[in-house]
Each structure stands twice: as C-alpha cells, then as structure tokens.
All heavy atoms as atom14 arrays in JSON, in Angstrom:
{
  "sequence": "MAGMIVAPRRWAARLAAAAGLLVTVVALLIAPATPASAH",
  "atom14_mask": [
    [1, 1, 1, 1, 1, 1, 1, 1, 0, 0, 0, 0, 0, 0],
    [1, 1, 1, 1, 1, 0, 0, 0, 0, 0, 0, 0, 0, 0],
    [1, 1, 1, 1, 0, 0, 0, 0, 0, 0, 0, 0, 0, 0],
    [1, 1, 1, 1, 1, 1, 1, 1, 0, 0, 0, 0, 0, 0],
    [1, 1, 1, 1, 1, 1, 1, 1, 0, 0, 0, 0, 0, 0],
    [1, 1, 1, 1, 1, 1, 1, 0, 0, 0, 0, 0, 0, 0],
    [1, 1, 1, 1, 1, 0, 0, 0, 0, 0, 0, 0, 0, 0],
    [1, 1, 1, 1, 1, 1, 1, 0, 0, 0, 0, 0, 0, 0],
    [1, 1, 1, 1, 1, 1, 1, 1, 1, 1, 1, 0, 0, 0],
    [1, 1, 1, 1, 1, 1, 1, 1, 1, 1, 1, 0, 0, 0],
    [1, 1, 1, 1, 1, 1, 1, 1, 1, 1, 1, 1, 1, 1],
    [1, 1, 1, 1, 1, 0, 0, 0, 0, 0, 0, 0, 0, 0],
    [1, 1, 1, 1, 1, 0, 0, 0, 0, 0, 0, 0, 0, 0],
    [1, 1, 1, 1, 1, 1, 1, 1, 1, 1, 1, 0, 0, 0],
    [1, 1, 1, 1, 1, 1, 1, 1, 0, 0, 0, 0, 0, 0],
    [1, 1, 1, 1, 1, 0, 0, 0, 0, 0, 0, 0, 0, 0],
    [1, 1, 1, 1, 1, 0, 0, 0, 0, 0, 0, 0, 0, 0],
    [1, 1, 1, 1, 1, 0, 0, 0, 0, 0, 0, 0, 0, 0],
    [1, 1, 1, 1, 1, 0, 0, 0, 0, 0, 0, 0, 0, 0],
    [1, 1, 1, 1, 0, 0, 0, 0, 0, 0, 0, 0, 0, 0],
    [1, 1, 1, 1, 1, 1, 1, 1, 0, 0, 0, 0, 0, 0],
    [1, 1, 1, 1, 1, 1, 1, 1, 0, 0, 0, 0, 0, 0],
    [1, 1, 1, 1, 1, 1, 1, 0, 0, 0, 0, 0, 0, 0],
    [1, 1, 1, 1, 1, 1, 1, 0, 0, 0, 0, 0, 0, 0],
    [1, 1, 1, 1, 1, 1, 1, 0, 0, 0, 0, 0, 0, 0],
    [1, 1, 1, 1, 1, 1, 1, 0, 0, 0, 0, 0, 0, 0],
    [1, 1, 1, 1, 1, 0, 0, 0, 0, 0, 0, 0, 0, 0],
    [1, 1, 1, 1, 1, 1, 1, 1, 0, 0, 0, 0, 0, 0],
    [1, 1, 1, 1, 1, 1, 1, 1, 0, 0, 0, 0, 0, 0],
    [1, 1, 1, 1, 1, 1, 1, 1, 0, 0, 0, 0, 0, 0],
    [1, 1, 1, 1, 1, 0, 0, 0, 0, 0, 0, 0, 0, 0],
    [1, 1, 1, 1, 1, 1, 1, 0, 0, 0, 0, 0, 0, 0],
    [1, 1, 1, 1, 1, 0, 0, 0, 0, 0, 0, 0, 0, 0],
    [1, 1, 1, 1, 1, 1, 1, 0, 0, 0, 0, 0, 0, 0],
    [1, 1, 1, 1, 1, 1, 1, 0, 0, 0, 0, 0, 0, 0],
    [1, 1, 1, 1, 1, 0, 0, 0, 0, 0, 0, 0, 0, 0],
    [1, 1, 1, 1, 1, 1, 0, 0, 0, 0, 0, 0, 0, 0],
    [1, 1, 1, 1, 1, 0, 0, 0, 0, 0, 0, 0, 0, 0],
    [1, 1, 1, 1, 1, 1, 1, 1, 1, 1, 0, 0, 0, 0]
  ],
  "atom14_positions": [
    [[0.88, -1.17, 0.02], [0.03, -0.01, 0.0], [0.85, 1.2, -0.11], [0.55, 2.22, -0.72], [-0.94, -0.06, 1.21], [-1.82, 1.21, 1.31], [-3.02, 1.28, -0.05], [-4.03, -0.06, 0.43], [0.0, 0.0, 0.0], [0.0, 0.0, 0.0], [0.0, 0.0, 0.0], [0.0, 0.0, 0.0], [0.0, 0.0, 0.0], [0.0, 0.0, 0.0]],
    [[1.92, 1.23, 0.82], [2.76, 2.45, 0.87], [3.45, 2.69, -0.46], [3.6, 3.74, -0.97], [3.82, 2.24, 1.98], [0.0, 0.0, 0.0], [0.0, 0.0, 0.0], [0.0, 0.0, 0.0], [0.0, 0.0, 0.0], [0.0, 0.0, 0.0], [0.0, 0.0, 0.0], [0.0, 0.0, 0.0], [0.0, 0.0, 0.0], [0.0, 0.0, 0.0]],
    [[3.81, 1.55, -1.28], [4.48, 1.75, -2.49], [3.43, 2.29, -3.45], [3.84, 3.11, -4.36], [0.0, 0.0, 0.0], [0.0, 0.0, 0.0], [0.0, 0.0, 0.0], [0.0, 0.0, 0.0], [0.0, 0.0, 0.0], [0.0, 0.0, 0.0], [0.0, 0.0, 0.0], [0.0, 0.0, 0.0], [0.0, 0.0, 0.0], [0.0, 0.0, 0.0]],
    [[2.12, 1.93, -3.27], [1.16, 2.45, -4.25], [0.84, 3.9, -3.92], [0.62, 4.64, -4.88], [-0.17, 1.73, -4.03], [-0.06, 0.24, -4.47], [-1.57, -0.62, -4.09], [-2.7, 0.2, -5.31], [0.0, 0.0, 0.0], [0.0, 0.0, 0.0], [0.0, 0.0, 0.0], [0.0, 0.0, 0.0], [0.0, 0.0, 0.0], [0.0, 0.0, 0.0]],
    [[1.12, 4.36, -2.68], [0.88, 5.92, -2.37], [2.13, 6.73, -2.88], [1.99, 7.69, -3.43], [0.68, 6.06, -0.86], [-0.56, 5.41, -0.44], [0.78, 7.44, -0.55], [-0.79, 5.39, 1.04], [0.0, 0.0, 0.0], [0.0, 0.0, 0.0], [0.0, 0.0, 0.0], [0.0, 0.0, 0.0], [0.0, 0.0, 0.0], [0.0, 0.0, 0.0]],
    [[3.31, 6.09, -2.74], [4.48, 6.78, -3.02], [4.59, 6.99, -4.54], [4.95, 8.17, -4.99], [5.77, 6.04, -2.47], [7.0, 6.66, -3.13], [5.91, 6.15, -0.98], [0.0, 0.0, 0.0], [0.0, 0.0, 0.0], [0.0, 0.0, 0.0], [0.0, 0.0, 0.0], [0.0, 0.0, 0.0], [0.0, 0.0, 0.0], [0.0, 0.0, 0.0]],
    [[4.26, 6.04, -5.38], [4.38, 6.11, -6.78], [3.58, 7.28, -7.39], [4.21, 8.04, -8.19], [3.94, 4.83, -7.45], [0.0, 0.0, 0.0], [0.0, 0.0, 0.0], [0.0, 0.0, 0.0], [0.0, 0.0, 0.0], [0.0, 0.0, 0.0], [0.0, 0.0, 0.0], [0.0, 0.0, 0.0], [0.0, 0.0, 0.0], [0.0, 0.0, 0.0]],
    [[2.33, 7.43, -7.08], [1.58, 8.5, -7.58], [2.24, 9.86, -7.21], [2.09, 10.84, -8.0], [0.13, 8.32, -7.01], [-0.02, 6.93, -6.67], [1.36, 6.53, -6.36], [0.0, 0.0, 0.0], [0.0, 0.0, 0.0], [0.0, 0.0, 0.0], [0.0, 0.0, 0.0], [0.0, 0.0, 0.0], [0.0, 0.0, 0.0], [0.0, 0.0, 0.0]],
    [[2.78, 9.96, -5.94], [3.41, 11.19, -5.57], [4.6, 11.51, -6.49], [4.78, 12.58, -6.75], [3.86, 11.03, -4.13], [2.73, 11.14, -3.04], [3.13, 11.09, -1.59], [2.13, 11.1, -0.7], [2.26, 10.91, 0.55], [3.4, 10.72, 1.13], [1.1, 11.14, 1.44], [0.0, 0.0, 0.0], [0.0, 0.0, 0.0], [0.0, 0.0, 0.0]],
    [[5.27, 10.56, -6.67], [6.51, 10.68, -7.65], [6.1, 11.01, -9.02], [6.66, 12.06, -9.55], [7.4, 9.41, -7.62], [8.1, 9.06, -6.42], [8.98, 7.95, -6.57], [9.9, 7.74, -5.43], [10.66, 6.62, -5.23], [10.7, 5.71, -6.2], [11.41, 6.49, -4.14], [0.0, 0.0, 0.0], [0.0, 0.0, 0.0], [0.0, 0.0, 0.0]],
    [[4.98, 10.47, -9.37], [4.53, 10.9, -10.71], [4.04, 12.21, -10.71], [4.25, 13.11, -11.77], [3.3, 10.04, -11.16], [3.84, 8.75, -11.96], [3.85, 7.39, -11.34], [4.52, 8.71, -13.17], [4.35, 6.57, -12.25], [4.8, 7.26, -13.43], [4.84, 9.53, -14.19], [5.44, 6.87, -14.52], [5.36, 9.22, -15.35], [5.67, 7.77, -15.49]],
    [[3.37, 12.66, -9.7], [2.91, 14.11, -9.57], [4.02, 15.09, -9.47], [4.06, 16.2, -10.08], [2.03, 14.27, -8.29], [0.0, 0.0, 0.0], [0.0, 0.0, 0.0], [0.0, 0.0, 0.0], [0.0, 0.0, 0.0], [0.0, 0.0, 0.0], [0.0, 0.0, 0.0], [0.0, 0.0, 0.0], [0.0, 0.0, 0.0], [0.0, 0.0, 0.0]],
    [[5.11, 14.73, -8.85], [6.31, 15.56, -8.73], [6.88, 15.76, -10.1], [7.25, 16.8, -10.47], [7.29, 14.92, -7.74], [0.0, 0.0, 0.0], [0.0, 0.0, 0.0], [0.0, 0.0, 0.0], [0.0, 0.0, 0.0], [0.0, 0.0, 0.0], [0.0, 0.0, 0.0], [0.0, 0.0, 0.0], [0.0, 0.0, 0.0], [0.0, 0.0, 0.0]],
    [[6.96, 14.62, -10.88], [7.63, 14.65, -12.21], [6.7, 15.43, -13.26], [7.28, 16.15, -13.97], [7.85, 13.21, -12.78], [8.97, 12.54, -11.88], [9.2, 11.05, -12.24], [10.16, 10.54, -11.44], [10.48, 9.3, -11.47], [9.84, 8.4, -12.33], [11.49, 8.77, -10.71], [0.0, 0.0, 0.0], [0.0, 0.0, 0.0], [0.0, 0.0, 0.0]],
    [[5.34, 15.31, -13.08], [4.59, 16.08, -13.84], [4.6, 17.64, -13.55], [4.66, 18.56, -14.46], [2.93, 15.71, -13.65], [2.62, 14.37, -14.32], [1.24, 14.01, -13.83], [2.66, 14.55, -15.77], [0.0, 0.0, 0.0], [0.0, 0.0, 0.0], [0.0, 0.0, 0.0], [0.0, 0.0, 0.0], [0.0, 0.0, 0.0], [0.0, 0.0, 0.0]],
    [[4.83, 17.93, -12.33], [4.95, 19.44, -11.88], [6.36, 19.91, -12.4], [6.43, 21.0, -12.84], [4.98, 19.49, -10.43], [0.0, 0.0, 0.0], [0.0, 0.0, 0.0], [0.0, 0.0, 0.0], [0.0, 0.0, 0.0], [0.0, 0.0, 0.0], [0.0, 0.0, 0.0], [0.0, 0.0, 0.0], [0.0, 0.0, 0.0], [0.0, 0.0, 0.0]],
    [[7.34, 18.98, -12.4], [8.67, 19.36, -12.92], [8.56, 19.64, -14.41], [9.22, 20.54, -14.93], [9.62, 18.19, -12.58], [0.0, 0.0, 0.0], [0.0, 0.0, 0.0], [0.0, 0.0, 0.0], [0.0, 0.0, 0.0], [0.0, 0.0, 0.0], [0.0, 0.0, 0.0], [0.0, 0.0, 0.0], [0.0, 0.0, 0.0], [0.0, 0.0, 0.0]],
    [[7.85, 18.85, -15.03], [7.53, 18.91, -16.46], [6.9, 20.3, -16.76], [7.17, 20.96, -17.82], [6.8, 17.85, -17.03], [0.0, 0.0, 0.0], [0.0, 0.0, 0.0], [0.0, 0.0, 0.0], [0.0, 0.0, 0.0], [0.0, 0.0, 0.0], [0.0, 0.0, 0.0], [0.0, 0.0, 0.0], [0.0, 0.0, 0.0], [0.0, 0.0, 0.0]],
    [[5.92, 20.76, -15.85], [5.32, 22.07, -16.17], [6.32, 23.19, -15.94], [6.27, 24.06, -16.76], [4.19, 22.12, -15.02], [0.0, 0.0, 0.0], [0.0, 0.0, 0.0], [0.0, 0.0, 0.0], [0.0, 0.0, 0.0], [0.0, 0.0, 0.0], [0.0, 0.0, 0.0], [0.0, 0.0, 0.0], [0.0, 0.0, 0.0], [0.0, 0.0, 0.0]],
    [[7.28, 22.86, -14.96], [8.25, 23.99, -14.94], [9.17, 24.02, -16.1], [9.6, 25.07, -16.64], [0.0, 0.0, 0.0], [0.0, 0.0, 0.0], [0.0, 0.0, 0.0], [0.0, 0.0, 0.0], [0.0, 0.0, 0.0], [0.0, 0.0, 0.0], [0.0, 0.0, 0.0], [0.0, 0.0, 0.0], [0.0, 0.0, 0.0], [0.0, 0.0, 0.0]],
    [[9.5, 22.83, -16.69], [10.28, 22.79, -17.91], [9.46, 23.44, -19.0], [10.1, 24.07, -19.9], [10.62, 21.42, -18.22], [11.71, 20.66, -17.34], [11.86, 19.33, -17.6], [13.08, 21.49, -17.45], [0.0, 0.0, 0.0], [0.0, 0.0, 0.0], [0.0, 0.0, 0.0], [0.0, 0.0, 0.0], [0.0, 0.0, 0.0], [0.0, 0.0, 0.0]],
    [[8.17, 23.26, -19.04], [7.42, 23.9, -20.23], [7.6, 25.51, -20.16], [7.72, 26.14, -21.16], [5.94, 23.5, -20.01], [5.04, 24.09, -21.1], [5.4, 23.63, -22.56], [3.59, 23.72, -20.78], [0.0, 0.0, 0.0], [0.0, 0.0, 0.0], [0.0, 0.0, 0.0], [0.0, 0.0, 0.0], [0.0, 0.0, 0.0], [0.0, 0.0, 0.0]],
    [[7.56, 25.96, -18.94], [7.88, 27.48, -18.73], [9.17, 27.84, -19.37], [9.37, 28.85, -20.02], [7.7, 27.9, -17.28], [8.07, 29.3, -17.09], [6.25, 27.65, -16.9], [0.0, 0.0, 0.0], [0.0, 0.0, 0.0], [0.0, 0.0, 0.0], [0.0, 0.0, 0.0], [0.0, 0.0, 0.0], [0.0, 0.0, 0.0], [0.0, 0.0, 0.0]],
    [[10.16, 27.04, -18.98], [11.52, 27.17, -19.49], [11.58, 27.21, -21.05], [12.24, 27.98, -21.61], [12.48, 26.09, -18.97], [12.49, 26.17, -17.53], [13.91, 26.28, -19.49], [0.0, 0.0, 0.0], [0.0, 0.0, 0.0], [0.0, 0.0, 0.0], [0.0, 0.0, 0.0], [0.0, 0.0, 0.0], [0.0, 0.0, 0.0], [0.0, 0.0, 0.0]],
    [[10.84, 26.19, -21.59], [10.99, 26.02, -23.11], [10.37, 27.38, -23.76], [10.75, 27.88, -24.7], [10.24, 24.78, -23.54], [10.05, 24.8, -25.06], [10.99, 23.56, -23.17], [0.0, 0.0, 0.0], [0.0, 0.0, 0.0], [0.0, 0.0, 0.0], [0.0, 0.0, 0.0], [0.0, 0.0, 0.0], [0.0, 0.0, 0.0], [0.0, 0.0, 0.0]],
    [[9.23, 27.73, -23.13], [8.47, 28.97, -23.64], [9.47, 30.11, -23.51], [9.56, 30.91, -24.52], [7.23, 29.18, -22.93], [6.66, 30.63, -23.42], [6.24, 28.06, -23.18], [0.0, 0.0, 0.0], [0.0, 0.0, 0.0], [0.0, 0.0, 0.0], [0.0, 0.0, 0.0], [0.0, 0.0, 0.0], [0.0, 0.0, 0.0], [0.0, 0.0, 0.0]],
    [[10.13, 30.25, -22.51], [11.15, 31.44, -22.31], [12.34, 31.42, -23.37], [12.65, 32.29, -23.98], [11.73, 31.43, -20.99], [0.0, 0.0, 0.0], [0.0, 0.0, 0.0], [0.0, 0.0, 0.0], [0.0, 0.0, 0.0], [0.0, 0.0, 0.0], [0.0, 0.0, 0.0], [0.0, 0.0, 0.0], [0.0, 0.0, 0.0], [0.0, 0.0, 0.0]],
    [[12.7, 30.21, -23.68], [13.67, 29.99, -24.64], [13.14, 30.34, -26.06], [13.89, 30.88, -26.88], [14.12, 28.53, -24.65], [15.01, 28.16, -23.52], [15.25, 26.52, -23.54], [16.42, 28.87, -23.56], [0.0, 0.0, 0.0], [0.0, 0.0, 0.0], [0.0, 0.0, 0.0], [0.0, 0.0, 0.0], [0.0, 0.0, 0.0], [0.0, 0.0, 0.0]],
    [[11.93, 30.0, -26.38], [11.44, 30.28, -27.65], [11.21, 31.68, -27.97], [11.32, 32.22, -28.91], [9.99, 29.49, -27.84], [10.06, 28.0, -27.95], [8.7, 27.48, -27.97], [10.77, 27.58, -29.17], [0.0, 0.0, 0.0], [0.0, 0.0, 0.0], [0.0, 0.0, 0.0], [0.0, 0.0, 0.0], [0.0, 0.0, 0.0], [0.0, 0.0, 0.0]],
    [[10.84, 32.48, -26.86], [10.63, 33.98, -27.02], [11.97, 34.69, -26.89], [11.98, 35.89, -27.11], [9.58, 34.58, -26.0], [10.18, 34.36, -24.55], [8.35, 33.82, -26.17], [9.3, 35.17, -23.6], [0.0, 0.0, 0.0], [0.0, 0.0, 0.0], [0.0, 0.0, 0.0], [0.0, 0.0, 0.0], [0.0, 0.0, 0.0], [0.0, 0.0, 0.0]],
    [[13.11, 34.01, -26.56], [14.33, 34.7, -26.42], [14.82, 35.23, -27.64], [14.66, 34.56, -28.72], [15.44, 33.76, -25.83], [0.0, 0.0, 0.0], [0.0, 0.0, 0.0], [0.0, 0.0, 0.0], [0.0, 0.0, 0.0], [0.0, 0.0, 0.0], [0.0, 0.0, 0.0], [0.0, 0.0, 0.0], [0.0, 0.0, 0.0], [0.0, 0.0, 0.0]],
    [[15.39, 36.55, -27.73], [15.81, 36.99, -28.93], [17.19, 36.5, -29.35], [17.88, 35.93, -28.56], [16.07, 38.58, -28.59], [16.26, 38.56, -27.23], [15.48, 37.37, -26.61], [0.0, 0.0, 0.0], [0.0, 0.0, 0.0], [0.0, 0.0, 0.0], [0.0, 0.0, 0.0], [0.0, 0.0, 0.0], [0.0, 0.0, 0.0], [0.0, 0.0, 0.0]],
    [[17.43, 36.28, -30.71], [18.73, 35.9, -31.16], [19.67, 36.99, -31.29], [19.58, 37.69, -32.23], [18.54, 35.12, -32.57], [0.0, 0.0, 0.0], [0.0, 0.0, 0.0], [0.0, 0.0, 0.0], [0.0, 0.0, 0.0], [0.0, 0.0, 0.0], [0.0, 0.0, 0.0], [0.0, 0.0, 0.0], [0.0, 0.0, 0.0], [0.0, 0.0, 0.0]],
    [[20.54, 37.21, -30.31], [21.44, 38.23, -30.28], [22.83, 37.77, -30.51], [23.23, 36.74, -29.97], [21.46, 38.99, -28.96], [20.93, 38.09, -27.95], [20.72, 40.28, -28.97], [0.0, 0.0, 0.0], [0.0, 0.0, 0.0], [0.0, 0.0, 0.0], [0.0, 0.0, 0.0], [0.0, 0.0, 0.0], [0.0, 0.0, 0.0], [0.0, 0.0, 0.0]],
    [[23.69, 38.47, -31.36], [25.08, 38.07, -31.6], [25.96, 38.28, -30.35], [25.62, 39.12, -29.54], [25.58, 38.94, -32.73], [24.62, 40.1, -32.62], [23.26, 39.68, -32.1], [0.0, 0.0, 0.0], [0.0, 0.0, 0.0], [0.0, 0.0, 0.0], [0.0, 0.0, 0.0], [0.0, 0.0, 0.0], [0.0, 0.0, 0.0], [0.0, 0.0, 0.0]],
    [[26.96, 37.5, -30.28], [27.91, 37.71, -29.07], [28.55, 39.08, -29.31], [28.99, 39.44, -30.38], [28.92, 36.51, -29.02], [0.0, 0.0, 0.0], [0.0, 0.0, 0.0], [0.0, 0.0, 0.0], [0.0, 0.0, 0.0], [0.0, 0.0, 0.0], [0.0, 0.0, 0.0], [0.0, 0.0, 0.0], [0.0, 0.0, 0.0], [0.0, 0.0, 0.0]],
    [[28.83, 39.8, -28.2], [29.42, 41.03, -28.2], [29.89, 41.3, -26.87], [29.89, 40.68, -25.95], [28.41, 42.01, -28.77], [28.14, 43.05, -28.34], [0.0, 0.0, 0.0], [0.0, 0.0, 0.0], [0.0, 0.0, 0.0], [0.0, 0.0, 0.0], [0.0, 0.0, 0.0], [0.0, 0.0, 0.0], [0.0, 0.0, 0.0], [0.0, 0.0, 0.0]],
    [[30.41, 42.65, -26.7], [30.92, 43.04, -25.39], [30.44, 44.43, -24.94], [29.56, 44.98, -25.53], [32.53, 43.02, -25.46], [0.0, 0.0, 0.0], [0.0, 0.0, 0.0], [0.0, 0.0, 0.0], [0.0, 0.0, 0.0], [0.0, 0.0, 0.0], [0.0, 0.0, 0.0], [0.0, 0.0, 0.0], [0.0, 0.0, 0.0], [0.0, 0.0, 0.0]],
    [[31.01, 44.97, -23.82], [30.69, 46.3, -23.57], [30.78, 47.22, -24.75], [31.86, 47.38, -25.27], [31.56, 46.78, -22.53], [31.05, 46.65, -21.03], [30.67, 45.54, -20.55], [30.62, 47.62, -20.26], [30.25, 45.6, -19.34], [30.27, 46.9, -18.98], [0.0, 0.0, 0.0], [0.0, 0.0, 0.0], [0.0, 0.0, 0.0], [0.0, 0.0, 0.0]]
  ]
}
C-alpha cells in the first residue's frame, strides 16, 4: 500500500517538474537571437 501511495506522488512531482520545464521552453522560444558582443 505504501508503495502504491509513493508512486503517484513521484509521478505528480515529475508532472509538476515537466510544467516548470514547459515554462523554460516557452522562455527559450521567445528569447531574441542576439550576436555575441561586449561592452
């Protein structure tokens, strides 16, 4: 029973992590393509 409870929790944590990664991907997609440069 304990294993059955822990497994959904892990899946929930990984789904939440995937949501955070989705935010990251969106941020990467809207990032401008800027050439390398200096001051």
